[in-house]
């Protein structure tokens, strides 16, 4: 039989003493009030506990449903543990993130870059030994070639000079393009390497490359004598490395 809480026994004893001491009508009314406050199954359990008589199963079930002991948390092996002994203090106090996915620049990154630089240098040296550069004859200051074109990597800038003022074509437009490329990593801070997650950065770089690539192609293949616009399939190809 489950132990009856002490406060319930105390309340039942007080109610019983008041019931036995009062014989008047007022005591009868107070008896009804007390009985209405104390559940009947508790009174039956109190009387059964004093006389050591078995308590009915229905009453026991009702008390078990009414008074449910709080759950006790147990650890491995049924041992109870305090919260502070389970949670480590470091997980609460340490708020700084530990860089687990980073490596040092030296030697991890610089070694790879140095090996790549050596490979490109070796390839350029060997290639230049077997293949001569497409150089023209010595320059003649009495005869200027027509059209006079800059190297292919500067033809985009030369093409801009034919469309805008030198200040705009040589300083403003290239400066804005470089400024946008510098700001791109600060605007798009997404650490993902997937192209579908880096739409802003890829769009900026694509527009920059397409803009400059189109200018280089126009200056290389669509500019003839006097740097005038011509069609290569009609006037010929005026392009030299």
Protein backbone atom coordinates (compact mmCIF):
# COMPACT_ATOMS: atom_id res chain seq x y z
CA UNK A 1 0.00 0.00 0.00
CA UNK A 2 1.31 3.44 -0.95
CA UNK A 3 2.25 5.86 1.85
CA UNK A 4 -0.28 8.61 2.51
CA UNK A 5 1.18 12.11 2.54
CA UNK A 6 1.47 13.60 6.00
CA UNK A 7 -0.55 16.72 5.19
CA UNK A 8 -3.51 14.58 4.06
CA UNK A 9 -3.42 12.58 7.30
CA UNK A 10 -3.29 15.81 9.26
CA UNK A 11 -6.26 17.27 7.43
CA UNK A 12 -8.26 14.06 7.86
CA UNK A 13 -7.54 13.98 11.60
CA UNK A 14 -8.64 17.57 12.06
CA UNK A 15 -11.83 16.93 10.13
CA UNK A 16 -12.58 13.88 12.24
CA UNK A 17 -12.07 15.77 15.48
CA UNK A 18 -14.41 18.53 14.36
CA UNK A 19 -17.03 15.98 13.34
CA UNK A 20 -16.88 14.19 16.73
CA UNK A 21 -16.90 17.41 18.82
CA UNK A 22 -19.81 19.20 17.12
CA UNK A 23 -23.34 17.81 17.78
CA UNK A 24 -25.45 20.84 16.97
CA UNK A 25 -27.04 21.81 13.67
CA UNK A 26 -24.21 24.22 13.02
CA UNK A 27 -21.75 21.39 13.47
CA UNK A 28 -23.81 19.32 11.04
CA UNK A 29 -23.63 22.02 8.40
CA UNK A 30 -19.89 22.42 8.96
CA UNK A 31 -19.52 18.65 8.69
CA UNK A 32 -21.14 18.71 5.28
CA UNK A 33 -18.82 21.53 4.22
CA UNK A 34 -15.72 19.67 5.38
CA UNK A 35 -16.85 16.48 3.70
CA UNK A 36 -17.45 18.40 0.49
CA UNK A 37 -13.89 19.76 0.61
CA UNK A 38 -12.16 16.44 1.39
CA UNK A 39 -12.66 13.70 -1.23
CA UNK A 40 -14.42 10.64 0.02
CA UNK A 41 -11.70 8.26 -1.12
CA UNK A 42 -9.15 10.13 1.01
CA UNK A 43 -11.28 9.72 4.10
CA UNK A 44 -11.67 6.02 3.37
CA UNK A 45 -7.92 5.66 2.94
CA UNK A 46 -7.27 7.49 6.21
CA UNK A 47 -9.63 5.24 8.12
CA UNK A 48 -8.19 2.15 6.49
CA UNK A 49 -4.65 3.21 7.37
CA UNK A 50 -5.55 3.59 11.05
CA UNK A 51 -7.36 0.29 11.29
CA UNK A 52 -4.82 -1.45 9.03
CA UNK A 53 -7.60 -2.56 6.76
CA UNK A 54 -7.09 -3.01 3.00
CA UNK A 55 -8.10 -0.05 0.87
CA UNK A 56 -10.53 -0.66 -2.01
CA UNK A 57 -8.88 -0.93 -5.40
CA UNK A 58 -11.01 1.85 -6.91
CA UNK A 59 -9.97 4.33 -4.22
CA UNK A 60 -6.31 3.41 -4.62
CA UNK A 61 -6.51 3.95 -8.34
CA UNK A 62 -8.18 7.31 -7.89
CA UNK A 63 -5.52 8.45 -5.42
CA UNK A 64 -2.76 7.27 -7.75
CA UNK A 65 -4.32 9.23 -10.58
CA UNK A 66 -4.82 12.31 -8.39
CA UNK A 67 -1.43 12.41 -6.68
CA UNK A 68 1.29 11.51 -9.16
CA UNK A 69 4.86 11.75 -7.88
CA UNK A 70 7.13 13.93 -9.99
CA UNK A 71 9.37 12.07 -12.44
CA UNK A 72 12.89 11.48 -11.25
CA UNK A 73 15.60 11.78 -13.86
CA UNK A 74 18.05 8.94 -13.76
CA UNK A 75 21.31 8.53 -15.54
CA UNK A 76 23.23 5.40 -16.59
CA UNK A 77 22.72 2.59 -14.13
CA UNK A 78 19.76 4.33 -12.46
CA UNK A 79 21.95 6.95 -10.74
CA UNK A 80 20.54 10.42 -10.31
CA UNK A 81 22.85 13.27 -11.36
CA UNK A 82 22.79 17.02 -10.91
CA UNK A 83 22.52 19.21 -13.97
CA UNK A 84 25.83 20.97 -13.33
CA UNK A 85 27.65 17.66 -13.27
CA UNK A 86 26.27 16.71 -16.69
CA UNK A 87 26.68 20.02 -18.58
CA UNK A 88 30.28 21.10 -18.95
CA UNK A 89 31.11 24.65 -18.00
CA UNK A 90 33.06 25.19 -21.20
CA UNK A 91 29.98 24.75 -23.38
CA UNK A 92 28.24 27.58 -21.49
CA UNK A 93 31.08 30.05 -21.05
CA UNK A 94 32.96 29.57 -24.34
CA UNK A 95 31.06 31.58 -26.96
CA UNK A 96 33.86 31.89 -29.55
CA UNK A 97 33.67 29.68 -32.61
CA UNK A 98 36.64 27.45 -33.21
CA UNK A 99 37.88 27.54 -36.83
CA UNK A 100 37.73 23.85 -37.62
CA UNK A 101 37.62 24.21 -41.45
CA UNK A 102 40.61 26.58 -41.85
CA UNK A 103 44.25 25.89 -42.57
CA UNK A 104 47.36 28.04 -42.35
CA UNK A 105 48.50 30.03 -45.37
CA UNK A 106 52.01 28.71 -44.86
CA UNK A 107 52.78 26.05 -45.85
CA UNK A 108 49.48 24.71 -47.15
CA UNK A 109 48.48 27.46 -49.60
CA UNK A 110 51.83 28.98 -50.52
CA UNK A 111 53.37 25.62 -51.38
CA UNK A 112 50.60 24.88 -53.87
CA UNK A 113 50.88 28.34 -55.43
CA UNK A 114 54.68 28.07 -55.65
CA UNK A 115 54.48 24.69 -57.41
CA UNK A 116 51.90 26.07 -59.85
CA UNK A 117 54.13 29.09 -60.60
CA UNK A 118 57.10 26.79 -61.28
CA UNK A 119 55.01 24.63 -63.63
CA UNK A 120 53.79 27.65 -65.65
CA UNK A 121 57.31 29.09 -65.84
CA UNK A 122 58.73 25.79 -67.08
CA UNK A 123 55.98 25.43 -69.70
CA UNK A 124 56.51 29.00 -70.97
CA UNK A 125 60.28 28.48 -71.20
CA UNK A 126 60.02 25.20 -73.11
CA UNK A 127 57.31 26.58 -75.41
CA UNK A 128 59.38 29.66 -76.25
CA UNK A 129 62.36 27.48 -77.21
CA UNK A 130 60.48 25.56 -79.89
CA UNK A 131 58.01 28.27 -81.06
CA UNK A 132 59.21 31.73 -82.11
CA UNK A 133 57.18 34.77 -81.16
CA UNK A 134 55.24 36.31 -84.11
CA UNK A 135 57.22 39.56 -84.17
CA UNK A 136 57.18 42.00 -87.07
CA UNK A 137 60.15 43.68 -88.69
CA UNK A 138 61.90 46.57 -87.05
CA UNK A 139 59.79 49.66 -86.67
CA UNK A 140 60.22 52.34 -89.37
CA UNK A 141 59.46 55.82 -88.05
CA UNK A 142 58.95 57.04 -91.63
CA UNK A 143 56.11 54.61 -92.26
CA UNK A 144 53.27 54.22 -89.74
CA UNK A 145 51.20 51.02 -90.16
CA UNK A 146 47.55 51.52 -91.01
CA UNK A 147 45.59 50.53 -88.99
CA UNK A 148 47.79 51.07 -85.96
CA UNK A 149 46.41 48.80 -83.28
CA UNK A 150 47.46 48.23 -79.70
CA UNK A 151 48.22 44.70 -78.43
CA UNK A 152 45.12 42.54 -78.18
CA UNK A 153 44.88 42.89 -74.39
CA UNK A 154 44.63 46.70 -74.82
CA UNK A 155 42.26 46.68 -77.79
CA UNK A 156 39.24 46.94 -75.49
CA UNK A 157 40.58 50.20 -74.07
CA UNK A 158 41.43 51.46 -77.58
CA UNK A 159 37.89 50.64 -78.67
CA UNK A 160 36.50 52.67 -75.76
CA UNK A 161 38.63 55.63 -76.86
CA UNK A 162 36.79 55.69 -80.18
CA UNK A 163 33.42 55.98 -78.41
CA UNK A 164 34.01 58.26 -75.38
CA UNK A 165 36.21 61.08 -74.17
CA UNK A 166 39.70 59.91 -73.13
CA UNK A 167 38.95 60.82 -69.48
CA UNK A 168 35.77 58.71 -69.51
CA UNK A 169 37.17 55.83 -71.56
CA UNK A 170 40.57 55.64 -69.88
CA UNK A 171 39.77 56.45 -66.24
CA UNK A 172 36.08 56.51 -65.34
CA UNK A 173 34.78 53.29 -66.94
CA UNK A 174 37.78 51.07 -66.02
CA UNK A 175 37.84 52.57 -62.52
CA UNK A 176 34.15 51.80 -61.95
CA UNK A 177 34.61 48.27 -63.25
CA UNK A 178 37.53 47.61 -60.92
CA UNK A 179 35.66 49.20 -58.00
CA UNK A 180 32.67 46.89 -58.53
CA UNK A 181 34.95 43.87 -58.65
CA UNK A 182 36.58 44.97 -55.38
CA UNK A 183 33.18 45.36 -53.68
CA UNK A 184 31.82 42.03 -54.92
CA UNK A 185 33.29 39.90 -52.05
CA UNK A 186 31.89 42.34 -49.45
CA UNK A 187 28.40 42.42 -50.99
CA UNK A 188 28.08 38.70 -51.65
CA UNK A 189 29.31 36.97 -48.46
CA UNK A 190 27.89 33.56 -49.27
CA UNK A 191 30.58 30.94 -48.44
CA UNK A 192 29.09 28.34 -50.79
CA UNK A 193 31.11 27.12 -53.77
CA UNK A 194 28.06 26.12 -55.82
CA UNK A 195 27.31 28.38 -58.83
CA UNK A 196 23.57 28.36 -58.12
CA UNK A 197 24.24 29.89 -54.70
CA UNK A 198 26.57 32.66 -55.99
CA UNK A 199 24.33 34.29 -58.61
CA UNK A 200 25.35 37.87 -57.78
CA UNK A 201 29.12 37.31 -57.95
CA UNK A 202 28.86 35.18 -61.09
CA UNK A 203 26.62 37.77 -62.78
CA UNK A 204 29.04 40.64 -62.04
CA UNK A 205 32.04 38.69 -63.35
CA UNK A 206 30.15 37.47 -66.43
CA UNK A 207 29.05 40.99 -67.37
CA UNK A 208 32.61 42.27 -66.92
CA UNK A 209 34.16 39.52 -69.07
CA UNK A 210 31.50 39.75 -71.78
CA UNK A 211 31.79 43.55 -71.97
CA UNK A 212 35.56 43.48 -72.27
CA UNK A 213 35.57 40.42 -74.57
CA UNK A 214 33.17 42.05 -77.04
CA UNK A 215 35.29 45.22 -77.16
CA UNK A 216 38.45 43.18 -77.84
CA UNK A 217 36.76 41.22 -80.63
CA UNK A 218 35.47 44.40 -82.30
CA UNK A 219 38.87 46.06 -82.12
CA UNK A 220 40.62 42.94 -83.42
CA UNK A 221 38.42 41.86 -86.33
CA UNK A 222 36.10 44.76 -87.16
CA UNK A 223 38.54 47.69 -87.40
CA UNK A 224 40.31 48.38 -90.70
CA UNK A 225 42.43 51.24 -92.15
CA UNK A 226 42.01 54.45 -90.16
CA UNK A 227 40.50 52.30 -87.38
CA UNK A 228 37.19 52.44 -89.21
CA UNK A 229 34.50 49.81 -88.75
CA UNK A 230 34.66 47.13 -91.47
CA UNK A 231 33.31 43.65 -91.99
CA UNK A 232 36.14 41.08 -92.11
CA UNK A 233 34.38 38.96 -94.75
CA UNK A 234 34.11 42.00 -97.05
CA UNK A 235 37.25 44.11 -96.46
CA UNK A 236 39.62 41.45 -95.17
CA UNK A 237 41.14 40.71 -91.77
CA UNK A 238 43.32 43.45 -90.24
CA UNK A 239 44.60 41.62 -87.19
CA UNK A 240 48.19 40.91 -86.17
CA UNK A 241 49.56 39.64 -82.87
